[in-house]
Amino acid sequence: MQIAYLILCHTQPAQMGRLVAALPRTSPIFIHVDARTPRADYDAIVAQTAGHPLVRFVRRHRCFWSGYGIVRATNTLIAAAVASGIPFDRATLLSGTDYPIKPEDEIAAFFAAAGAREFIETFPLHAPNRWSNHGGSYHGPARVDWFHLRFRSRAWRMPWWRRLPYGYVAFGGSQWWTLTRAALEHIDRVRVRQPRLRRFFRNVFLPDESYVQTVLGNSSLAANIVSDDLRLHIWDRPEPPYPAVLKTADFALLQASDRLFARKFDLRNHPEVYDRIDGHLRA
């Protein structure tokens, strides 16, 4: 079972080095660094991850919160992995604040037994879902049904109702996933062959939480989707920015979890939780 890792990051070079060091040395790793990240930090990320033999960096895009740049960066990572010529069975999308909380052989065994299943939280946006009670642009259907005008990390919903092209139905869910190579190849084909879909999502609110779900939910792979991102994260703790940063005090929660990965961590301020994960959960 060969797993590729696609990583979106923008800060904390040492934390990126720690994450990459925790991934299998036989796994290809593709890294996107936000184009807004200063050159000195980018160079430090390259240096911190240089010890892994299969790290590759991809073309950088500007990634503002809730904007299409994150989708563009994700598509760039997918295209690089598919075109690399490096064999892999699955790919996992991580952020630079994620970390594996299970041994690599356990992660590999889990996916070896998973068959053709696609692990990505996915639900129809026009049916009752966990965003149905959210207001404004955060409301599930409102994210895609209305045109959103953007400037950097700000978005304004315009009174212009829209319909997805190609007869697509809208799906949403968590940004993070582990997908088969077949799914990545399909997403890459859609990127190339269906430009109207890309143009549509440029004016969606939080498109990184609906683009991949919509592409796969309208494909022949939809029947293989398991609506699970395999991540441990805490959204209900009042410690912004969300999700809550995991600390040593959360170690019992990490230890009891059946999740494969967790987010989010902060090596600069809470390095001890990394040591406990490596010493007890990943040993």
C-alpha atoms as a PDB file:
ATOM      1  CA  MET A   1       0.000   0.000   0.000  1.00  0.00           C
ATOM      2  CA  GLN A   2       1.687   3.159  -1.240  1.00  0.00           C
ATOM      3  CA  ILE A   3       0.196   6.383   0.118  1.00  0.00           C
ATOM      4  CA  ALA A   4       1.084   9.778  -1.297  1.00  0.00           C
ATOM      5  CA  TYR A   5       0.750  12.870   0.884  1.00  0.00           C
ATOM      6  CA  LEU A   6      -0.365  16.246  -0.436  1.00  0.00           C
ATOM      7  CA  ILE A   7       0.268  19.104   1.992  1.00  0.00           C
ATOM      8  CA  LEU A   8      -1.085  22.658   2.078  1.00  0.00           C
ATOM      9  CA  CYS A   9       0.985  24.937   4.329  1.00  0.00           C
ATOM     10  CA  HIS A  10       1.918  28.558   4.874  1.00  0.00           C
ATOM     11  CA  THR A  11       3.902  28.903   8.104  1.00  0.00           C
ATOM     12  CA  GLN A  12       6.063  27.312  10.833  1.00  0.00           C
ATOM     13  CA  PRO A  13       8.943  25.648   8.891  1.00  0.00           C
ATOM     14  CA  ALA A  14      10.011  23.546  11.887  1.00  0.00           C
ATOM     15  CA  GLN A  15       6.496  22.189  12.228  1.00  0.00           C
ATOM     16  CA  MET A  16       6.484  21.252   8.552  1.00  0.00           C
ATOM     17  CA  GLY A  17       9.799  19.465   9.069  1.00  0.00           C
ATOM     18  CA  ARG A  18       8.328  17.522  11.979  1.00  0.00           C
ATOM     19  CA  LEU A  19       5.266  16.511   9.941  1.00  0.00           C
ATOM     20  CA  VAL A  20       7.269  15.343   6.924  1.00  0.00           C
ATOM     21  CA  ALA A  21       9.663  13.407   9.169  1.00  0.00           C
ATOM     22  CA  ALA A  22       6.657  11.539  10.590  1.00  0.00           C
ATOM     23  CA  LEU A  23       5.535  10.324   7.143  1.00  0.00           C
ATOM     24  CA  PRO A  24       6.906   7.141   5.529  1.00  0.00           C
ATOM     25  CA  ARG A  25      10.162   7.622   3.660  1.00  0.00           C
ATOM     26  CA  THR A  26       8.749   5.550   0.806  1.00  0.00           C
ATOM     27  CA  SER A  27       5.768   7.901   0.371  1.00  0.00           C
ATOM     28  CA  PRO A  28       5.855  10.622  -2.272  1.00  0.00           C
ATOM     29  CA  ILE A  29       5.125  14.010  -0.696  1.00  0.00           C
ATOM     30  CA  PHE A  30       3.903  17.035  -2.637  1.00  0.00           C
ATOM     31  CA  ILE A  31       3.912  20.383  -0.851  1.00  0.00           C
ATOM     32  CA  HIS A  32       2.145  23.618  -1.689  1.00  0.00           C
ATOM     33  CA  VAL A  33       3.314  26.725   0.179  1.00  0.00           C
ATOM     34  CA  ASP A  34       0.986  29.730   0.076  1.00  0.00           C
ATOM     35  CA  ALA A  35       2.377  32.323  -2.348  1.00  0.00           C
ATOM     36  CA  ARG A  36       1.827  34.953   0.362  1.00  0.00           C
ATOM     37  CA  THR A  37       4.397  33.224   2.577  1.00  0.00           C
ATOM     38  CA  PRO A  38       7.624  35.277   2.719  1.00  0.00           C
ATOM     39  CA  ARG A  39      10.538  33.912   0.700  1.00  0.00           C
ATOM     40  CA  ALA A  40      12.645  33.391   3.819  1.00  0.00           C
ATOM     41  CA  ASP A  41       9.957  31.176   5.345  1.00  0.00           C
ATOM     42  CA  TYR A  42       9.528  29.283   2.074  1.00  0.00           C
ATOM     43  CA  ASP A  43      13.274  28.612   1.908  1.00  0.00           C
ATOM     44  CA  ALA A  44      13.195  27.456   5.539  1.00  0.00           C
ATOM     45  CA  ILE A  45      10.346  25.015   4.764  1.00  0.00           C
ATOM     46  CA  VAL A  46      12.358  23.618   1.860  1.00  0.00           C
ATOM     47  CA  ALA A  47      15.388  23.207   4.130  1.00  0.00           C
ATOM     48  CA  GLN A  48      13.385  21.625   6.965  1.00  0.00           C
ATOM     49  CA  THR A  49      11.859  18.995   4.657  1.00  0.00           C
ATOM     50  CA  ALA A  50      14.993  18.264   2.609  1.00  0.00           C
ATOM     51  CA  GLY A  51      15.736  15.080   4.563  1.00  0.00           C
ATOM     52  CA  HIS A  52      12.840  13.231   2.974  1.00  0.00           C
ATOM     53  CA  PRO A  53      13.881  11.619  -0.329  1.00  0.00           C
ATOM     54  CA  LEU A  54      10.546  12.036  -2.143  1.00  0.00           C
ATOM     55  CA  VAL A  55       9.516  15.609  -1.361  1.00  0.00           C
ATOM     56  CA  ARG A  56       8.460  17.813  -4.258  1.00  0.00           C
ATOM     57  CA  PHE A  57       7.229  21.400  -4.176  1.00  0.00           C
ATOM     58  CA  VAL A  58       4.552  22.613  -6.566  1.00  0.00           C
ATOM     59  CA  ARG A  59       3.687  25.952  -8.135  1.00  0.00           C
ATOM     60  CA  ARG A  60       2.510  28.413  -5.487  1.00  0.00           C
ATOM     61  CA  HIS A  61      -0.861  30.185  -5.414  1.00  0.00           C
ATOM     62  CA  ARG A  62      -2.220  32.925  -3.168  1.00  0.00           C
ATOM     63  CA  CYS A  63      -4.560  31.291  -0.660  1.00  0.00           C
ATOM     64  CA  PHE A  64      -6.969  33.575   1.153  1.00  0.00           C
ATOM     65  CA  TRP A  65      -9.450  32.198   3.654  1.00  0.00           C
ATOM     66  CA  SER A  66     -12.724  31.073   2.027  1.00  0.00           C
ATOM     67  CA  GLY A  67     -11.320  31.763  -1.446  1.00  0.00           C
ATOM     68  CA  TYR A  68     -10.785  29.779  -4.623  1.00  0.00           C
ATOM     69  CA  GLY A  69      -6.992  29.922  -4.268  1.00  0.00           C
ATOM     70  CA  ILE A  70      -7.158  26.947  -1.888  1.00  0.00           C
ATOM     71  CA  VAL A  71      -8.990  24.914  -4.551  1.00  0.00           C
ATOM     72  CA  ARG A  72      -6.417  26.018  -7.124  1.00  0.00           C
ATOM     73  CA  ALA A  73      -3.592  24.910  -4.814  1.00  0.00           C
ATOM     74  CA  THR A  74      -5.280  21.559  -4.167  1.00  0.00           C
ATOM     75  CA  ASN A  75      -5.791  20.975  -7.882  1.00  0.00           C
ATOM     76  CA  THR A  76      -2.122  21.804  -8.459  1.00  0.00           C
ATOM     77  CA  LEU A  77      -1.087  19.201  -5.875  1.00  0.00           C
ATOM     78  CA  ILE A  78      -3.374  16.591  -7.454  1.00  0.00           C
ATOM     79  CA  ALA A  79      -2.088  17.333 -10.957  1.00  0.00           C
ATOM     80  CA  ALA A  80       1.531  17.098  -9.771  1.00  0.00           C
ATOM     81  CA  ALA A  81       0.925  13.750  -8.075  1.00  0.00           C
ATOM     82  CA  VAL A  82      -0.865  12.263 -11.085  1.00  0.00           C
ATOM     83  CA  ALA A  83       1.768  13.521 -13.551  1.00  0.00           C
ATOM     84  CA  SER A  84       4.773  12.604 -11.398  1.00  0.00           C
ATOM     85  CA  GLY A  85       5.156   9.054 -12.659  1.00  0.00           C
ATOM     86  CA  ILE A  86       5.572   7.916  -9.045  1.00  0.00           C
ATOM     87  CA  PRO A  87       3.293   4.956  -8.271  1.00  0.00           C
ATOM     88  CA  PHE A  88       0.831   5.312  -5.399  1.00  0.00           C
ATOM     89  CA  ASP A  89      -2.473   3.704  -4.457  1.00  0.00           C
ATOM     90  CA  ARG A  90      -4.013   6.523  -2.426  1.00  0.00           C
ATOM     91  CA  ALA A  91      -3.350  10.133  -1.543  1.00  0.00           C
ATOM     92  CA  THR A  92      -4.062  11.987   1.699  1.00  0.00           C
ATOM     93  CA  LEU A  93      -4.558  15.747   1.803  1.00  0.00           C
ATOM     94  CA  LEU A  94      -3.031  17.273   4.937  1.00  0.00           C
ATOM     95  CA  SER A  95      -2.492  20.777   6.251  1.00  0.00           C
ATOM     96  CA  GLY A  96       0.787  21.822   7.802  1.00  0.00           C
ATOM     97  CA  THR A  97      -0.957  21.747  11.188  1.00  0.00           C
ATOM     98  CA  ASP A  98      -1.998  18.062  10.877  1.00  0.00           C
ATOM     99  CA  TYR A  99      -0.157  15.066  12.289  1.00  0.00           C
ATOM    100  CA  PRO A 100      -0.568  11.273  12.070  1.00  0.00           C
ATOM    101  CA  ILE A 101      -1.609   9.721  15.390  1.00  0.00           C
ATOM    102  CA  LYS A 102      -1.233   6.068  14.410  1.00  0.00           C
ATOM    103  CA  PRO A 103       1.876   4.055  13.374  1.00  0.00           C
ATOM    104  CA  GLU A 104       2.563   4.069   9.643  1.00  0.00           C
ATOM    105  CA  ASP A 105       2.046   0.294   9.341  1.00  0.00           C
ATOM    106  CA  GLU A 106      -1.386   0.614  10.959  1.00  0.00           C
ATOM    107  CA  ILE A 107      -2.333   3.411   8.563  1.00  0.00           C
ATOM    108  CA  ALA A 108      -1.147   1.331   5.602  1.00  0.00           C
ATOM    109  CA  ALA A 109      -3.064  -1.727   6.818  1.00  0.00           C
ATOM    110  CA  PHE A 110      -6.249   0.306   7.226  1.00  0.00           C
ATOM    111  CA  PHE A 111      -6.139   1.511   3.638  1.00  0.00           C
ATOM    112  CA  ALA A 112      -5.043  -1.865   2.271  1.00  0.00           C
ATOM    113  CA  ALA A 113      -8.259  -3.296   3.709  1.00  0.00           C
ATOM    114  CA  ALA A 114     -10.385  -0.392   2.439  1.00  0.00           C
ATOM    115  CA  GLY A 115     -10.678  -1.587  -1.148  1.00  0.00           C
ATOM    116  CA  ALA A 116     -12.039   1.097  -3.455  1.00  0.00           C
ATOM    117  CA  ARG A 117     -13.591   3.218  -0.711  1.00  0.00           C
ATOM    118  CA  GLU A 118     -13.096   6.992  -0.855  1.00  0.00           C
ATOM    119  CA  PHE A 119     -12.712   8.708   2.522  1.00  0.00           C
ATOM    120  CA  ILE A 120     -14.123  12.213   2.294  1.00  0.00           C
ATOM    121  CA  GLU A 121     -16.965  13.737   4.271  1.00  0.00           C
ATOM    122  CA  THR A 122     -19.708  14.316   1.700  1.00  0.00           C
ATOM    123  CA  PHE A 123     -23.359  15.309   1.960  1.00  0.00           C
ATOM    124  CA  PRO A 124     -25.883  16.934  -0.431  1.00  0.00           C
ATOM    125  CA  LEU A 125     -25.993  20.667   0.218  1.00  0.00           C
ATOM    126  CA  HIS A 126     -29.695  20.924  -0.625  1.00  0.00           C
ATOM    127  CA  ALA A 127     -30.705  18.214   1.859  1.00  0.00           C
ATOM    128  CA  PRO A 128     -30.644  18.608   5.659  1.00  0.00           C
ATOM    129  CA  ASN A 129     -26.998  18.604   6.769  1.00  0.00           C
ATOM    130  CA  ARG A 130     -24.744  19.934   9.511  1.00  0.00           C
ATOM    131  CA  TRP A 131     -24.666  23.370   7.866  1.00  0.00           C
ATOM    132  CA  SER A 132     -28.457  23.676   7.521  1.00  0.00           C
ATOM    133  CA  ASN A 133     -28.806  25.763  10.691  1.00  0.00           C
ATOM    134  CA  HIS A 134     -25.967  28.124   9.825  1.00  0.00           C
ATOM    135  CA  GLY A 135     -26.847  31.649   8.828  1.00  0.00           C
ATOM    136  CA  GLY A 136     -25.865  33.868   5.919  1.00  0.00           C
ATOM    137  CA  SER A 137     -23.282  32.538   3.493  1.00  0.00           C
ATOM    138  CA  TYR A 138     -22.465  29.679   5.879  1.00  0.00           C
ATOM    139  CA  HIS A 139     -25.845  28.097   5.175  1.00  0.00           C
ATOM    140  CA  GLY A 140     -25.315  24.940   3.117  1.00  0.00           C
ATOM    141  CA  PRO A 141     -27.144  25.801  -0.146  1.00  0.00           C
ATOM    142  CA  ALA A 142     -26.249  29.501   0.108  1.00  0.00           C
ATOM    143  CA  ARG A 143     -22.568  28.664  -0.285  1.00  0.00           C
ATOM    144  CA  VAL A 144     -23.059  27.628  -3.902  1.00  0.00           C
ATOM    145  CA  ASP A 145     -26.456  29.036  -4.936  1.00  0.00           C
ATOM    146  CA  TRP A 146     -25.464  32.699  -4.681  1.00  0.00           C
ATOM    147  CA  PHE A 147     -22.688  34.630  -6.373  1.00  0.00           C
ATOM    148  CA  HIS A 148     -20.023  35.772  -3.902  1.00  0.00           C
ATOM    149  CA  LEU A 149     -17.850  38.785  -4.585  1.00  0.00           C
ATOM    150  CA  ARG A 150     -14.421  38.514  -2.989  1.00  0.00           C
ATOM    151  CA  PHE A 151     -11.522  40.670  -1.918  1.00  0.00           C
ATOM    152  CA  ARG A 152      -8.713  38.790  -0.210  1.00  0.00           C
ATOM    153  CA  SER A 153     -10.225  37.031   2.842  1.00  0.00           C
ATOM    154  CA  ARG A 154     -13.530  38.880   2.684  1.00  0.00           C
ATOM    155  CA  ALA A 155     -16.620  37.768   0.797  1.00  0.00           C
ATOM    156  CA  TRP A 156     -19.967  39.425   0.096  1.00  0.00           C
ATOM    157  CA  ARG A 157     -23.037  37.503  -1.038  1.00  0.00           C
ATOM    158  CA  MET A 158     -24.638  39.162  -4.056  1.00  0.00           C
ATOM    159  CA  PRO A 159     -28.354  38.850  -4.924  1.00  0.00           C
ATOM    160  CA  TRP A 160     -27.568  36.744  -7.983  1.00  0.00           C
ATOM    161  CA  TRP A 161     -28.807  33.175  -7.867  1.00  0.00           C
ATOM    162  CA  ARG A 162     -26.811  30.631  -9.876  1.00  0.00           C
ATOM    163  CA  ARG A 163     -26.995  27.024 -11.030  1.00  0.00           C
ATOM    164  CA  LEU A 164     -24.077  24.593 -11.265  1.00  0.00           C
ATOM    165  CA  PRO A 165     -22.983  23.781 -14.835  1.00  0.00           C
ATOM    166  CA  TYR A 166     -23.077  20.358 -16.497  1.00  0.00           C
ATOM    167  CA  GLY A 167     -26.191  19.389 -14.517  1.00  0.00           C
ATOM    168  CA  TYR A 168     -24.131  18.905 -11.352  1.00  0.00           C
ATOM    169  CA  VAL A 169     -25.709  18.560  -7.901  1.00  0.00           C
ATOM    170  CA  ALA A 170     -23.916  20.385  -5.054  1.00  0.00           C
ATOM    171  CA  PHE A 171     -22.181  18.444  -2.262  1.00  0.00           C
ATOM    172  CA  GLY A 172     -20.129  19.648   0.696  1.00  0.00           C
ATOM    173  CA  GLY A 173     -18.093  18.518   3.678  1.00  0.00           C
ATOM    174  CA  SER A 174     -14.699  18.735   5.344  1.00  0.00           C
ATOM    175  CA  GLN A 175     -11.819  19.913   3.169  1.00  0.00           C
ATOM    176  CA  TRP A 176      -9.563  16.959   4.114  1.00  0.00           C
ATOM    177  CA  TRP A 177      -9.615  13.500   2.546  1.00  0.00           C
ATOM    178  CA  THR A 178      -7.866  10.276   1.585  1.00  0.00           C
ATOM    179  CA  LEU A 179      -8.750   9.191  -1.957  1.00  0.00           C
ATOM    180  CA  THR A 180      -7.746   6.475  -4.399  1.00  0.00           C
ATOM    181  CA  ARG A 181      -5.528   7.240  -7.355  1.00  0.00           C
ATOM    182  CA  ALA A 182      -8.570   6.696  -9.592  1.00  0.00           C
ATOM    183  CA  ALA A 183     -10.359   9.510  -7.760  1.00  0.00           C
ATOM    184  CA  LEU A 184      -7.380  11.862  -8.167  1.00  0.00           C
ATOM    185  CA  GLU A 185      -7.187  11.073 -11.871  1.00  0.00           C
ATOM    186  CA  HIS A 186     -10.899  11.833 -12.239  1.00  0.00           C
ATOM    187  CA  ILE A 187     -10.574  15.162 -10.378  1.00  0.00           C
ATOM    188  CA  ASP A 188      -7.649  16.086 -12.630  1.00  0.00           C
ATOM    189  CA  ARG A 189      -9.613  15.214 -15.788  1.00  0.00           C
ATOM    190  CA  VAL A 190     -12.501  17.392 -14.630  1.00  0.00           C
ATOM    191  CA  ARG A 191     -10.063  20.265 -14.019  1.00  0.00           C
ATOM    192  CA  VAL A 192      -8.884  20.040 -17.616  1.00  0.00           C
ATOM    193  CA  ARG A 193     -12.106  19.146 -19.420  1.00  0.00           C
ATOM    194  CA  GLN A 194     -14.757  21.131 -17.537  1.00  0.00           C
ATOM    195  CA  PRO A 195     -13.499  24.718 -17.240  1.00  0.00           C
ATOM    196  CA  ARG A 196     -17.013  26.065 -16.569  1.00  0.00           C
ATOM    197  CA  LEU A 197     -16.988  24.235 -13.239  1.00  0.00           C
ATOM    198  CA  ARG A 198     -13.742  25.916 -12.223  1.00  0.00           C
ATOM    199  CA  ARG A 199     -15.124  29.317 -13.190  1.00  0.00           C
ATOM    200  CA  PHE A 200     -18.303  28.660 -11.210  1.00  0.00           C
ATOM    201  CA  PHE A 201     -16.412  27.770  -8.015  1.00  0.00           C
ATOM    202  CA  ARG A 202     -14.372  30.977  -8.128  1.00  0.00           C
ATOM    203  CA  ASN A 203     -17.442  32.711  -6.697  1.00  0.00           C
ATOM    204  CA  VAL A 204     -18.544  30.039  -4.227  1.00  0.00           C
ATOM    205  CA  PHE A 205     -18.211  30.715  -0.490  1.00  0.00           C
ATOM    206  CA  LEU A 206     -15.646  28.333   1.091  1.00  0.00           C
ATOM    207  CA  PRO A 207     -15.203  26.379  -2.167  1.00  0.00           C
ATOM    208  CA  ASP A 208     -12.555  24.150  -0.572  1.00  0.00           C
ATOM    209  CA  GLU A 209     -15.445  22.585   1.390  1.00  0.00           C
ATOM    210  CA  SER A 210     -17.515  21.725  -1.677  1.00  0.00           C
ATOM    211  CA  TYR A 211     -15.418  21.497  -4.863  1.00  0.00           C
ATOM    212  CA  VAL A 212     -13.951  17.990  -4.509  1.00  0.00           C
ATOM    213  CA  GLN A 213     -17.187  16.693  -2.946  1.00  0.00           C
ATOM    214  CA  THR A 214     -19.186  18.009  -5.901  1.00  0.00           C
ATOM    215  CA  VAL A 215     -16.770  16.569  -8.463  1.00  0.00           C
ATOM    216  CA  LEU A 216     -16.795  13.112  -6.885  1.00  0.00           C
ATOM    217  CA  GLY A 217     -20.457  13.174  -5.850  1.00  0.00           C
ATOM    218  CA  ASN A 218     -21.439  13.568  -9.514  1.00  0.00           C
ATOM    219  CA  SER A 219     -19.125  10.812 -10.757  1.00  0.00           C
ATOM    220  CA  SER A 220     -19.229   7.037 -11.029  1.00  0.00           C
ATOM    221  CA  LEU A 221     -17.091   6.961  -7.872  1.00  0.00           C
ATOM    222  CA  ALA A 222     -19.908   8.370  -5.723  1.00  0.00           C
ATOM    223  CA  ALA A 223     -21.013   4.891  -4.624  1.00  0.00           C
ATOM    224  CA  ASN A 224     -17.558   4.314  -3.096  1.00  0.00           C
ATOM    225  CA  ILE A 225     -17.615   7.403  -0.859  1.00  0.00           C
ATOM    226  CA  VAL A 226     -17.429   6.878   2.885  1.00  0.00           C
ATOM    227  CA  SER A 227     -18.464  10.165   4.476  1.00  0.00           C
ATOM    228  CA  ASP A 228     -15.518  10.294   6.863  1.00  0.00           C
ATOM    229  CA  ASP A 229     -12.303  12.332   6.710  1.00  0.00           C
ATOM    230  CA  LEU A 230     -10.521  10.102   9.307  1.00  0.00           C
ATOM    231  CA  ARG A 231      -9.461  13.184  11.320  1.00  0.00           C
ATOM    232  CA  LEU A 232      -9.759  14.065  14.980  1.00  0.00           C
ATOM    233  CA  HIS A 233     -10.564  17.742  15.465  1.00  0.00           C
ATOM    234  CA  ILE A 234     -12.313  19.797  18.144  1.00  0.00           C
ATOM    235  CA  TRP A 235     -14.797  22.394  16.906  1.00  0.00           C
ATOM    236  CA  ASP A 236     -16.859  22.929  20.043  1.00  0.00           C
ATOM    237  CA  ARG A 237     -14.140  24.287  22.333  1.00  0.00           C
ATOM    238  CA  PRO A 238     -14.235  28.093  22.592  1.00  0.00           C
ATOM    239  CA  GLU A 239     -10.606  28.635  21.614  1.00  0.00           C
ATOM    240  CA  PRO A 240     -10.410  30.438  18.275  1.00  0.00           C
ATOM    241  CA  PRO A 241      -9.115  30.146  15.671  1.00  0.00           C
ATOM    242  CA  TYR A 242     -11.023  26.936  15.024  1.00  0.00           C
ATOM    243  CA  PRO A 243     -10.622  24.027  15.218  1.00  0.00           C
ATOM    244  CA  ALA A 244      -9.062  24.149  18.689  1.00  0.00           C
ATOM    245  CA  VAL A 245      -5.304  23.608  19.007  1.00  0.00           C
ATOM    246  CA  LEU A 246      -4.549  20.175  20.496  1.00  0.00           C
ATOM    247  CA  LYS A 247      -2.334  20.236  23.571  1.00  0.00           C
ATOM    248  CA  THR A 248      -0.841  17.792  26.069  1.00  0.00           C
ATOM    249  CA  ALA A 249      -4.076  18.059  28.057  1.00  0.00           C
ATOM    250  CA  ASP A 250      -5.808  16.451  25.054  1.00  0.00           C
ATOM    251  CA  PHE A 251      -3.529  13.413  24.997  1.00  0.00           C
ATOM    252  CA  ALA A 252      -6.145  11.095  26.547  1.00  0.00           C
ATOM    253  CA  LEU A 253      -8.522  12.099  23.748  1.00  0.00           C
ATOM    254  CA  LEU A 254      -5.840  11.403  21.146  1.00  0.00           C
ATOM    255  CA  GLN A 255      -5.019   8.067  22.776  1.00  0.00           C
ATOM    256  CA  ALA A 256      -8.660   6.934  22.809  1.00  0.00           C
ATOM    257  CA  SER A 257      -9.361   8.013  19.222  1.00  0.00           C
ATOM    258  CA  ASP A 258      -9.677   5.578  16.325  1.00  0.00           C
ATOM    259  CA  ARG A 259      -8.826   8.387  13.879  1.00  0.00           C
ATOM    260  CA  LEU A 260      -5.659   8.139  11.768  1.00  0.00           C
ATOM    261  CA  PHE A 261      -4.779  11.854  11.749  1.00  0.00           C
ATOM    262  CA  ALA A 262      -5.506  14.848  13.959  1.00  0.00           C
ATOM    263  CA  ARG A 263      -5.608  18.615  13.597  1.00  0.00           C
ATOM    264  CA  LYS A 264      -4.587  21.058  14.551  1.00  0.00           C
ATOM    265  CA  PHE A 265      -1.245  21.334  16.327  1.00  0.00           C
ATOM    266  CA  ASP A 266       1.174  24.139  17.125  1.00  0.00           C
ATOM    267  CA  LEU A 267       4.789  22.991  17.500  1.00  0.00           C
ATOM    268  CA  ARG A 268       6.036  26.440  18.496  1.00  0.00           C
ATOM    269  CA  ASN A 269       3.772  26.748  21.538  1.00  0.00           C
ATOM    270  CA  HIS A 270       2.925  23.125  22.350  1.00  0.00           C
ATOM    271  CA  PRO A 271       5.853  20.894  21.329  1.00  0.00           C
ATOM    272  CA  GLU A 272       5.317  18.385  24.134  1.00  0.00           C
ATOM    273  CA  VAL A 273       2.184  16.904  22.554  1.00  0.00           C
ATOM    274  CA  TYR A 274       4.263  15.927  19.488  1.00  0.00           C
ATOM    275  CA  ASP A 275       6.715  14.097  21.724  1.00  0.00           C
ATOM    276  CA  ARG A 276       3.948  12.195  23.476  1.00  0.00           C
ATOM    277  CA  ILE A 277       2.319  11.183  20.185  1.00  0.00           C
ATOM    278  CA  ASP A 278       5.657   9.950  18.802  1.00  0.00           C
ATOM    279  CA  GLY A 279       6.587   8.176  22.028  1.00  0.00           C
ATOM    280  CA  HIS A 280       3.276   6.510  22.781  1.00  0.00           C
ATOM    281  CA  LEU A 281       0.886   6.480  19.813  1.00  0.00           C
ATOM    282  CA  ARG A 282       3.226   6.119  16.839  1.00  0.00           C
ATOM    283  CA  ALA A 283       5.992   4.066  18.482  1.00  0.00           C
END
